[in-house]
PDB file of all heavy atoms in Angstrom:
ATOM      1  N   GLU A   1       5.859 -12.216   6.679  1.00  0.00           N
ATOM      2  CA  GLU A   1       5.747 -13.602   6.224  1.00  0.00           C
ATOM      3  C   GLU A   1       6.966 -14.019   5.411  1.00  0.00           C
ATOM      4  O   GLU A   1       7.416 -15.157   5.454  1.00  0.00           O
ATOM      5  CB  GLU A   1       4.485 -13.767   5.350  1.00  0.00           C
ATOM      6  CG  GLU A   1       4.239 -15.180   4.866  1.00  0.00           C
ATOM      7  CD  GLU A   1       2.969 -15.301   4.062  1.00  0.00           C
ATOM      8  OE1 GLU A   1       2.405 -14.252   3.647  1.00  0.00           O
ATOM      9  OE2 GLU A   1       2.500 -16.438   3.835  1.00  0.00           O
ATOM     10  N   SER A   2       7.536 -13.059   4.661  1.00  0.00           N
ATOM     11  CA  SER A   2       8.685 -13.382   3.815  1.00  0.00           C
ATOM     12  C   SER A   2       9.751 -12.288   3.905  1.00  0.00           C
ATOM     13  O   SER A   2       9.447 -11.107   3.904  1.00  0.00           O
ATOM     14  CB  SER A   2       8.227 -13.522   2.344  1.00  0.00           C
ATOM     15  OG  SER A   2       9.323 -13.586   1.477  1.00  0.00           O
ATOM     16  N   ASP A   3      11.032 -12.730   3.954  1.00  0.00           N
ATOM     17  CA  ASP A   3      12.124 -11.775   3.905  1.00  0.00           C
ATOM     18  C   ASP A   3      12.755 -11.760   2.500  1.00  0.00           C
ATOM     19  O   ASP A   3      13.813 -11.182   2.281  1.00  0.00           O
ATOM     20  CB  ASP A   3      13.200 -12.095   4.958  1.00  0.00           C
ATOM     21  CG  ASP A   3      13.872 -13.461   4.737  1.00  0.00           C
ATOM     22  OD1 ASP A   3      13.334 -14.243   3.919  1.00  0.00           O
ATOM     23  OD2 ASP A   3      14.911 -13.718   5.349  1.00  0.00           O
ATOM     24  N   GLY A   4      12.096 -12.415   1.523  1.00  0.00           N
ATOM     25  CA  GLY A   4      12.580 -12.469   0.168  1.00  0.00           C
ATOM     26  C   GLY A   4      13.640 -13.555   0.009  1.00  0.00           C
ATOM     27  O   GLY A   4      14.236 -14.021   0.958  1.00  0.00           O
ATOM     28  N   ASN A   5      13.822 -13.982  -1.190  1.00  0.00           N
ATOM     29  CA  ASN A   5      14.835 -14.998  -1.502  1.00  0.00           C
ATOM     30  C   ASN A   5      15.787 -14.457  -2.568  1.00  0.00           C
ATOM     31  O   ASN A   5      15.416 -13.623  -3.385  1.00  0.00           O
ATOM     32  CB  ASN A   5      14.173 -16.272  -2.006  1.00  0.00           C
ATOM     33  CG  ASN A   5      13.438 -17.002  -0.898  1.00  0.00           C
ATOM     34  OD1 ASN A   5      13.994 -17.278   0.146  1.00  0.00           O
ATOM     35  ND2 ASN A   5      12.168 -17.271  -1.119  1.00  0.00           N
ATOM     36  N   PHE A   6      17.007 -14.972  -2.560  1.00  0.00           N
ATOM     37  CA  PHE A   6      18.036 -14.497  -3.497  1.00  0.00           C
ATOM     38  C   PHE A   6      18.627 -15.699  -4.195  1.00  0.00           C
ATOM     39  O   PHE A   6      19.072 -16.644  -3.571  1.00  0.00           O
ATOM     40  CB  PHE A   6      19.131 -13.740  -2.732  1.00  0.00           C
ATOM     41  CG  PHE A   6      20.012 -12.930  -3.628  1.00  0.00           C
ATOM     42  CD1 PHE A   6      19.546 -11.777  -4.215  1.00  0.00           C
ATOM     43  CD2 PHE A   6      21.325 -13.317  -3.865  1.00  0.00           C
ATOM     44  CE1 PHE A   6      20.388 -11.016  -5.026  1.00  0.00           C
ATOM     45  CE2 PHE A   6      22.153 -12.579  -4.676  1.00  0.00           C
ATOM     46  CZ  PHE A   6      21.677 -11.412  -5.265  1.00  0.00           C
ATOM     47  N   HIS A   7      18.552 -15.699  -5.551  1.00  0.00           N
ATOM     48  CA  HIS A   7      19.033 -16.849  -6.310  1.00  0.00           C
ATOM     49  C   HIS A   7      19.656 -16.360  -7.621  1.00  0.00           C
ATOM     50  O   HIS A   7      19.047 -15.601  -8.365  1.00  0.00           O
ATOM     51  CB  HIS A   7      17.870 -17.797  -6.598  1.00  0.00           C
ATOM     52  CG  HIS A   7      18.263 -19.067  -7.277  1.00  0.00           C
ATOM     53  ND1 HIS A   7      19.166 -19.948  -6.731  1.00  0.00           N
ATOM     54  CD2 HIS A   7      17.891 -19.594  -8.475  1.00  0.00           C
ATOM     55  CE1 HIS A   7      19.304 -20.974  -7.542  1.00  0.00           C
ATOM     56  NE2 HIS A   7      18.561 -20.778  -8.600  1.00  0.00           N
ATOM     57  N   LEU A   8      20.884 -16.775  -7.867  1.00  0.00           N
ATOM     58  CA  LEU A   8      21.588 -16.407  -9.096  1.00  0.00           C
ATOM     59  C   LEU A   8      21.601 -14.885  -9.297  1.00  0.00           C
ATOM     60  O   LEU A   8      21.394 -14.384 -10.409  1.00  0.00           O
ATOM     61  CB  LEU A   8      20.975 -17.088 -10.305  1.00  0.00           C
ATOM     62  CG  LEU A   8      21.010 -18.637 -10.275  1.00  0.00           C
ATOM     63  CD1 LEU A   8      20.354 -19.194 -11.517  1.00  0.00           C
ATOM     64  CD2 LEU A   8      22.454 -19.123 -10.175  1.00  0.00           C
ATOM     65  N   GLY A   9      21.788 -14.173  -8.195  1.00  0.00           N
ATOM     66  CA  GLY A   9      21.928 -12.714  -8.297  1.00  0.00           C
ATOM     67  C   GLY A   9      20.618 -11.971  -8.339  1.00  0.00           C
ATOM     68  O   GLY A   9      20.620 -10.747  -8.508  1.00  0.00           O
ATOM     69  N   GLU A  10      19.468 -12.653  -8.193  1.00  0.00           N
ATOM     70  CA  GLU A  10      18.183 -11.982  -8.294  1.00  0.00           C
ATOM     71  C   GLU A  10      17.299 -12.334  -7.092  1.00  0.00           C
ATOM     72  O   GLU A  10      17.356 -13.451  -6.582  1.00  0.00           O
ATOM     73  CB  GLU A  10      17.447 -12.363  -9.567  1.00  0.00           C
ATOM     74  CG  GLU A  10      18.135 -11.914 -10.835  1.00  0.00           C
ATOM     75  CD  GLU A  10      17.310 -12.263 -12.054  1.00  0.00           C
ATOM     76  OE1 GLU A  10      16.254 -12.910 -11.895  1.00  0.00           O
ATOM     77  OE2 GLU A  10      17.727 -11.903 -13.167  1.00  0.00           O
ATOM     78  N   THR A  11      16.517 -11.364  -6.662  1.00  0.00           N
ATOM     79  CA  THR A  11      15.527 -11.626  -5.630  1.00  0.00           C
ATOM     80  C   THR A  11      14.356 -12.317  -6.291  1.00  0.00           C
ATOM     81  O   THR A  11      13.720 -11.761  -7.191  1.00  0.00           O
ATOM     82  CB  THR A  11      15.062 -10.328  -4.946  1.00  0.00           C
ATOM     83  OG1 THR A  11      16.181  -9.680  -4.355  1.00  0.00           O
ATOM     84  CG2 THR A  11      14.013 -10.601  -3.889  1.00  0.00           C
ATOM     85  N   THR A  12      14.036 -13.541  -5.867  1.00  0.00           N
ATOM     86  CA  THR A  12      13.010 -14.313  -6.553  1.00  0.00           C
ATOM     87  C   THR A  12      11.653 -14.207  -5.870  1.00  0.00           C
ATOM     88  O   THR A  12      10.664 -14.690  -6.395  1.00  0.00           O
ATOM     89  CB  THR A  12      13.436 -15.794  -6.608  1.00  0.00           C
ATOM     90  OG1 THR A  12      13.648 -16.256  -5.283  1.00  0.00           O
ATOM     91  CG2 THR A  12      14.709 -15.954  -7.408  1.00  0.00           C
ATOM     92  N   ARG A  13      11.607 -13.618  -4.710  1.00  0.00           N
ATOM     93  CA  ARG A  13      10.332 -13.409  -4.049  1.00  0.00           C
ATOM     94  C   ARG A  13      10.363 -12.068  -3.348  1.00  0.00           C
ATOM     95  O   ARG A  13      11.302 -11.760  -2.620  1.00  0.00           O
ATOM     96  CB  ARG A  13      10.043 -14.523  -3.032  1.00  0.00           C
ATOM     97  CG  ARG A  13       8.702 -14.394  -2.358  1.00  0.00           C
ATOM     98  CD  ARG A  13       8.449 -15.577  -1.420  1.00  0.00           C
ATOM     99  NE  ARG A  13       7.156 -15.472  -0.783  1.00  0.00           N
ATOM    100  CZ  ARG A  13       6.715 -16.315   0.145  1.00  0.00           C
ATOM    101  NH1 ARG A  13       7.469 -17.335   0.508  1.00  0.00           N
ATOM    102  NH2 ARG A  13       5.524 -16.164   0.677  1.00  0.00           N
ATOM    103  N   LEU A  14       9.350 -11.251  -3.592  1.00  0.00           N
ATOM    104  CA  LEU A  14       9.328  -9.916  -3.023  1.00  0.00           C
ATOM    105  C   LEU A  14       9.182 -10.000  -1.491  1.00  0.00           C
ATOM    106  O   LEU A  14       8.248 -10.632  -0.992  1.00  0.00           O
ATOM    107  CB  LEU A  14       8.173  -9.110  -3.597  1.00  0.00           C
ATOM    108  CG  LEU A  14       8.057  -7.659  -3.158  1.00  0.00           C
ATOM    109  CD1 LEU A  14       9.200  -6.858  -3.752  1.00  0.00           C
ATOM    110  CD2 LEU A  14       6.710  -7.073  -3.587  1.00  0.00           C
ATOM    111  N   PRO A  15      10.080  -9.417  -0.748  1.00  0.00           N
ATOM    112  CA  PRO A  15       9.948  -9.444   0.710  1.00  0.00           C
ATOM    113  C   PRO A  15       8.811  -8.524   1.150  1.00  0.00           C
ATOM    114  O   PRO A  15       8.480  -7.560   0.471  1.00  0.00           O
ATOM    115  CB  PRO A  15      11.300  -8.924   1.197  1.00  0.00           C
ATOM    116  CG  PRO A  15      11.773  -8.033   0.094  1.00  0.00           C
ATOM    117  CD  PRO A  15      11.300  -8.685  -1.193  1.00  0.00           C
ATOM    118  N   ASN A  16       8.228  -8.820   2.290  1.00  0.00           N
ATOM    119  CA  ASN A  16       7.189  -7.945   2.818  1.00  0.00           C
ATOM    120  C   ASN A  16       7.787  -6.636   3.334  1.00  0.00           C
ATOM    121  O   ASN A  16       7.106  -5.617   3.391  1.00  0.00           O
ATOM    122  CB  ASN A  16       6.440  -8.629   3.944  1.00  0.00           C
ATOM    123  CG  ASN A  16       5.707  -9.879   3.481  1.00  0.00           C
ATOM    124  OD1 ASN A  16       5.890 -10.959   4.057  1.00  0.00           O
ATOM    125  ND2 ASN A  16       4.884  -9.770   2.457  1.00  0.00           N
ATOM    126  N   LEU A  17       9.063  -6.691   3.699  1.00  0.00           N
ATOM    127  CA  LEU A  17       9.780  -5.501   4.133  1.00  0.00           C
ATOM    128  C   LEU A  17      11.067  -5.414   3.341  1.00  0.00           C
ATOM    129  O   LEU A  17      11.887  -6.328   3.371  1.00  0.00           O
ATOM    130  CB  LEU A  17      10.091  -5.578   5.641  1.00  0.00           C
ATOM    131  CG  LEU A  17      10.999  -4.483   6.210  1.00  0.00           C
ATOM    132  CD1 LEU A  17      10.348  -3.116   6.088  1.00  0.00           C
ATOM    133  CD2 LEU A  17      11.349  -4.801   7.674  1.00  0.00           C
ATOM    134  N   SER A  18      11.237  -4.317   2.605  1.00  0.00           N
ATOM    135  CA  SER A  18      12.426  -4.153   1.771  1.00  0.00           C
ATOM    136  C   SER A  18      13.700  -4.160   2.608  1.00  0.00           C
ATOM    137  O   SER A  18      13.736  -3.674   3.736  1.00  0.00           O
ATOM    138  CB  SER A  18      12.311  -2.842   0.988  1.00  0.00           C
ATOM    139  OG  SER A  18      13.518  -2.569   0.312  1.00  0.00           O
ATOM    140  N   HIS A  19      14.759  -4.714   2.021  1.00  0.00           N
ATOM    141  CA  HIS A  19      16.079  -4.690   2.673  1.00  0.00           C
ATOM    142  C   HIS A  19      16.828  -3.403   2.344  1.00  0.00           C
ATOM    143  O   HIS A  19      17.949  -3.193   2.827  1.00  0.00           O
ATOM    144  CB  HIS A  19      16.903  -5.898   2.217  1.00  0.00           C
ATOM    145  CG  HIS A  19      16.445  -7.192   2.830  1.00  0.00           C
ATOM    146  ND1 HIS A  19      16.844  -7.631   4.044  1.00  0.00           N
ATOM    147  CD2 HIS A  19      15.586  -8.125   2.350  1.00  0.00           C
ATOM    148  CE1 HIS A  19      16.285  -8.802   4.310  1.00  0.00           C
ATOM    149  NE2 HIS A  19      15.508  -9.127   3.293  1.00  0.00           N
ATOM    150  N   ASP A  20      16.250  -2.558   1.518  1.00  0.00           N
ATOM    151  CA  ASP A  20      16.889  -1.287   1.150  1.00  0.00           C
ATOM    152  C   ASP A  20      16.349  -0.153   2.012  1.00  0.00           C
ATOM    153  O   ASP A  20      15.302  -0.245   2.636  1.00  0.00           O
ATOM    154  CB  ASP A  20      16.628  -0.985  -0.327  1.00  0.00           C
ATOM    155  CG  ASP A  20      17.147  -2.080  -1.251  1.00  0.00           C
ATOM    156  OD1 ASP A  20      18.223  -2.624  -0.966  1.00  0.00           O
ATOM    157  OD2 ASP A  20      16.438  -2.429  -2.224  1.00  0.00           O
ATOM    158  N   ASP A  21      17.041   0.956   2.000  1.00  0.00           N
ATOM    159  CA  ASP A  21      16.620   2.174   2.676  1.00  0.00           C
ATOM    160  C   ASP A  21      16.329   1.926   4.166  1.00  0.00           C
ATOM    161  O   ASP A  21      16.882   1.017   4.764  1.00  0.00           O
ATOM    162  CB  ASP A  21      15.424   2.797   1.949  1.00  0.00           C
ATOM    163  CG  ASP A  21      15.752   3.088   0.482  1.00  0.00           C
ATOM    164  OD1 ASP A  21      16.853   3.607   0.220  1.00  0.00           O
ATOM    165  OD2 ASP A  21      14.921   2.766  -0.385  1.00  0.00           O
ATOM    166  N   ASP A  22      15.398   2.724   4.736  1.00  0.00           N
ATOM    167  CA  ASP A  22      15.174   2.685   6.183  1.00  0.00           C
ATOM    168  C   ASP A  22      13.817   2.121   6.580  1.00  0.00           C
ATOM    169  O   ASP A  22      13.377   2.294   7.729  1.00  0.00           O
ATOM    170  CB  ASP A  22      15.303   4.100   6.781  1.00  0.00           C
ATOM    171  CG  ASP A  22      16.722   4.649   6.626  1.00  0.00           C
ATOM    172  OD1 ASP A  22      17.660   3.820   6.577  1.00  0.00           O
ATOM    173  OD2 ASP A  22      16.859   5.875   6.544  1.00  0.00           O
ATOM    174  N   ALA A  23      13.074   1.498   5.664  1.00  0.00           N
ATOM    175  CA  ALA A  23      11.754   0.955   5.992  1.00  0.00           C
ATOM    176  C   ALA A  23      11.863  -0.018   7.165  1.00  0.00           C
ATOM    177  O   ALA A  23      12.828  -0.797   7.240  1.00  0.00           O
ATOM    178  CB  ALA A  23      11.158   0.254   4.777  1.00  0.00           C
ATOM    179  N   TRP A  24      10.841   0.017   8.078  1.00  0.00           N
ATOM    180  CA  TRP A  24      10.908  -0.885   9.230  1.00  0.00           C
ATOM    181  C   TRP A  24       9.517  -1.077   9.845  1.00  0.00           C
ATOM    182  O   TRP A  24       8.616  -0.244   9.683  1.00  0.00           O
ATOM    183  CB  TRP A  24      11.845  -0.301  10.284  1.00  0.00           C
ATOM    184  CG  TRP A  24      12.159  -1.238  11.443  1.00  0.00           C
ATOM    185  CD1 TRP A  24      11.863  -1.064  12.749  1.00  0.00           C
ATOM    186  CD2 TRP A  24      12.862  -2.495  11.352  1.00  0.00           C
ATOM    187  NE1 TRP A  24      12.328  -2.101  13.503  1.00  0.00           N
ATOM    188  CE2 TRP A  24      12.952  -3.007  12.658  1.00  0.00           C
ATOM    189  CE3 TRP A  24      13.410  -3.223  10.304  1.00  0.00           C
ATOM    190  CZ2 TRP A  24      13.563  -4.232  12.970  1.00  0.00           C
ATOM    191  CZ3 TRP A  24      14.041  -4.442  10.605  1.00  0.00           C
ATOM    192  CH2 TRP A  24      14.103  -4.930  11.907  1.00  0.00           C
ATOM    193  N   LEU A  25       9.353  -2.225  10.497  1.00  0.00           N
ATOM    194  CA  LEU A  25       8.145  -2.541  11.249  1.00  0.00           C
ATOM    195  C   LEU A  25       8.475  -2.559  12.732  1.00  0.00           C
ATOM    196  O   LEU A  25       9.365  -3.312  13.156  1.00  0.00           O
ATOM    197  CB  LEU A  25       7.597  -3.926  10.857  1.00  0.00           C
ATOM    198  CG  LEU A  25       6.685  -4.004   9.623  1.00  0.00           C
ATOM    199  CD1 LEU A  25       7.441  -3.601   8.364  1.00  0.00           C
ATOM    200  CD2 LEU A  25       6.116  -5.431   9.473  1.00  0.00           C
ATOM    201  N   TYR A  26       7.798  -1.695  13.498  1.00  0.00           N
ATOM    202  CA  TYR A  26       8.030  -1.607  14.939  1.00  0.00           C
ATOM    203  C   TYR A  26       6.911  -2.336  15.687  1.00  0.00           C
ATOM    204  O   TYR A  26       5.867  -2.676  15.136  1.00  0.00           O
ATOM    205  CB  TYR A  26       8.039  -0.148  15.384  1.00  0.00           C
ATOM    206  CG  TYR A  26       9.120   0.709  14.748  1.00  0.00           C
ATOM    207  CD1 TYR A  26       8.927   1.269  13.495  1.00  0.00           C
ATOM    208  CD2 TYR A  26      10.329   0.964  15.411  1.00  0.00           C
ATOM    209  CE1 TYR A  26       9.911   2.073  12.897  1.00  0.00           C
ATOM    210  CE2 TYR A  26      11.301   1.780  14.846  1.00  0.00           C
ATOM    211  CZ  TYR A  26      11.088   2.305  13.587  1.00  0.00           C
ATOM    212  OH  TYR A  26      12.060   3.100  13.007  1.00  0.00           O
ATOM    213  N   ASP A  27       7.127  -2.549  16.957  1.00  0.00           N
ATOM    214  CA  ASP A  27       6.087  -3.057  17.866  1.00  0.00           C
ATOM    215  C   ASP A  27       5.501  -4.391  17.336  1.00  0.00           C
ATOM    216  O   ASP A  27       6.264  -5.282  17.010  1.00  0.00           O
ATOM    217  CB  ASP A  27       4.983  -2.012  18.074  1.00  0.00           C
ATOM    218  CG  ASP A  27       5.546  -0.662  18.462  1.00  0.00           C
ATOM    219  OD1 ASP A  27       6.462  -0.632  19.309  1.00  0.00           O
ATOM    220  OD2 ASP A  27       5.082   0.359  17.928  1.00  0.00           O
ATOM    221  N   ASP A  28       4.172  -4.456  17.200  1.00  0.00           N
ATOM    222  CA  ASP A  28       3.514  -5.671  16.694  1.00  0.00           C
ATOM    223  C   ASP A  28       2.916  -5.464  15.306  1.00  0.00           C
ATOM    224  O   ASP A  28       1.962  -6.147  14.919  1.00  0.00           O
ATOM    225  CB  ASP A  28       2.409  -6.125  17.670  1.00  0.00           C
ATOM    226  CG  ASP A  28       2.961  -6.923  18.830  1.00  0.00           C
ATOM    227  OD1 ASP A  28       3.853  -7.781  18.592  1.00  0.00           O
ATOM    228  OD2 ASP A  28       2.518  -6.696  19.971  1.00  0.00           O
ATOM    229  N   ALA A  29       3.439  -4.531  14.556  1.00  0.00           N
ATOM    230  CA  ALA A  29       2.976  -4.288  13.183  1.00  0.00           C
ATOM    231  C   ALA A  29       3.222  -5.536  12.336  1.00  0.00           C
ATOM    232  O   ALA A  29       4.203  -6.257  12.534  1.00  0.00           O
ATOM    233  CB  ALA A  29       3.691  -3.084  12.594  1.00  0.00           C
ATOM    234  N   LYS A  30       2.325  -5.739  11.357  1.00  0.00           N
ATOM    235  CA  LYS A  30       2.398  -6.976  10.554  1.00  0.00           C
ATOM    236  C   LYS A  30       2.239  -6.650   9.084  1.00  0.00           C
ATOM    237  O   LYS A  30       1.382  -5.847   8.683  1.00  0.00           O
ATOM    238  CB  LYS A  30       1.301  -7.954  10.961  1.00  0.00           C
ATOM    239  CG  LYS A  30       1.301  -8.313  12.449  1.00  0.00           C
ATOM    240  CD  LYS A  30       0.077  -9.127  12.813  1.00  0.00           C
ATOM    241  CE  LYS A  30       0.015  -9.403  14.318  1.00  0.00           C
ATOM    242  NZ  LYS A  30      -0.206  -8.162  15.094  1.00  0.00           N
ATOM    243  N   ALA A  31       3.064  -7.321   8.237  1.00  0.00           N
ATOM    244  CA  ALA A  31       2.959  -7.200   6.775  1.00  0.00           C
ATOM    245  C   ALA A  31       3.086  -8.617   6.203  1.00  0.00           C
ATOM    246  O   ALA A  31       4.059  -9.303   6.487  1.00  0.00           O
ATOM    247  CB  ALA A  31       4.042  -6.291   6.223  1.00  0.00           C
ATOM    248  N   TYR A  32       2.110  -9.027   5.389  1.00  0.00           N
ATOM    249  CA  TYR A  32       2.116 -10.396   4.885  1.00  0.00           C
ATOM    250  C   TYR A  32       1.197 -10.540   3.681  1.00  0.00           C
ATOM    251  O   TYR A  32       0.595  -9.566   3.220  1.00  0.00           O
ATOM    252  CB  TYR A  32       1.695 -11.381   6.007  1.00  0.00           C
ATOM    253  CG  TYR A  32       0.332 -11.118   6.601  1.00  0.00           C
ATOM    254  CD1 TYR A  32      -0.774 -11.854   6.215  1.00  0.00           C
ATOM    255  CD2 TYR A  32       0.156 -10.119   7.580  1.00  0.00           C
ATOM    256  CE1 TYR A  32      -2.008 -11.622   6.783  1.00  0.00           C
ATOM    257  CE2 TYR A  32      -1.079  -9.886   8.137  1.00  0.00           C
ATOM    258  CZ  TYR A  32      -2.168 -10.645   7.734  1.00  0.00           C
ATOM    259  OH  TYR A  32      -3.390 -10.390   8.282  1.00  0.00           O
ATOM    260  N   ALA A  33       1.109 -11.759   3.170  1.00  0.00           N
ATOM    261  CA  ALA A  33       0.238 -12.097   2.021  1.00  0.00           C
ATOM    262  C   ALA A  33       0.511 -11.203   0.816  1.00  0.00           C
ATOM    263  O   ALA A  33      -0.401 -10.748   0.138  1.00  0.00           O
ATOM    264  CB  ALA A  33      -1.241 -12.003   2.431  1.00  0.00           C
ATOM    265  N   GLY A  34       1.795 -10.941   0.542  1.00  0.00           N
ATOM    266  CA  GLY A  34       2.154 -10.173  -0.643  1.00  0.00           C
ATOM    267  C   GLY A  34       2.276  -8.687  -0.439  1.00  0.00           C
ATOM    268  O   GLY A  34       2.655  -7.951  -1.356  1.00  0.00           O
ATOM    269  N   ALA A  35       1.926  -8.171   0.764  1.00  0.00           N
ATOM    270  CA  ALA A  35       2.054  -6.736   1.031  1.00  0.00           C
ATOM    271  C   ALA A  35       3.534  -6.323   1.057  1.00  0.00           C
ATOM    272  O   ALA A  35       4.402  -7.163   1.299  1.00  0.00           O
ATOM    273  CB  ALA A  35       1.396  -6.390   2.363  1.00  0.00           C
ATOM    274  N   ASN A  36       3.801  -5.032   0.845  1.00  0.00           N
ATOM    275  CA  ASN A  36       5.187  -4.580   0.761  1.00  0.00           C
ATOM    276  C   ASN A  36       5.370  -3.222   1.412  1.00  0.00           C
ATOM    277  O   ASN A  36       4.618  -2.274   1.133  1.00  0.00           O
ATOM    278  CB  ASN A  36       5.633  -4.520  -0.700  1.00  0.00           C
ATOM    279  CG  ASN A  36       7.073  -4.070  -0.856  1.00  0.00           C
ATOM    280  OD1 ASN A  36       7.347  -3.029  -1.423  1.00  0.00           O
ATOM    281  ND2 ASN A  36       8.002  -4.878  -0.350  1.00  0.00           N
ATOM    282  N   VAL A  37       6.378  -3.139   2.279  1.00  0.00           N
ATOM    283  CA  VAL A  37       6.811  -1.871   2.872  1.00  0.00           C
ATOM    284  C   VAL A  37       8.183  -1.564   2.333  1.00  0.00           C
ATOM    285  O   VAL A  37       9.103  -2.379   2.422  1.00  0.00           O
ATOM    286  CB  VAL A  37       6.876  -1.963   4.417  1.00  0.00           C
ATOM    287  CG1 VAL A  37       7.236  -0.601   5.011  1.00  0.00           C
ATOM    288  CG2 VAL A  37       5.553  -2.457   4.995  1.00  0.00           C
ATOM    289  N   CYS A  38       8.342  -0.377   1.740  1.00  0.00           N
ATOM    290  CA  CYS A  38       9.615  -0.057   1.086  1.00  0.00           C
ATOM    291  C   CYS A  38       9.982   1.401   1.335  1.00  0.00           C
ATOM    292  O   CYS A  38       9.291   2.114   2.060  1.00  0.00           O
ATOM    293  CB  CYS A  38       9.525  -0.362  -0.404  1.00  0.00           C
ATOM    294  SG  CYS A  38       8.242   0.556  -1.273  1.00  0.00           S
ATOM    295  N   GLY A  39      11.075   1.832   0.719  1.00  0.00           N
ATOM    296  CA  GLY A  39      11.542   3.210   0.907  1.00  0.00           C
ATOM    297  C   GLY A  39      11.875   3.433   2.370  1.00  0.00           C
ATOM    298  O   GLY A  39      12.583   2.651   2.988  1.00  0.00           O
TER     299      GLY A  39
END
């Protein structure tokens, strides 16, 4: 649902999938409504 937002050097909304490390969603997997996949 969200890839996060960046404003004045800060992420202002937590992305459902982190832009760091190797976390990823394959196939038809879904993350939304505030959920978070990281690491």
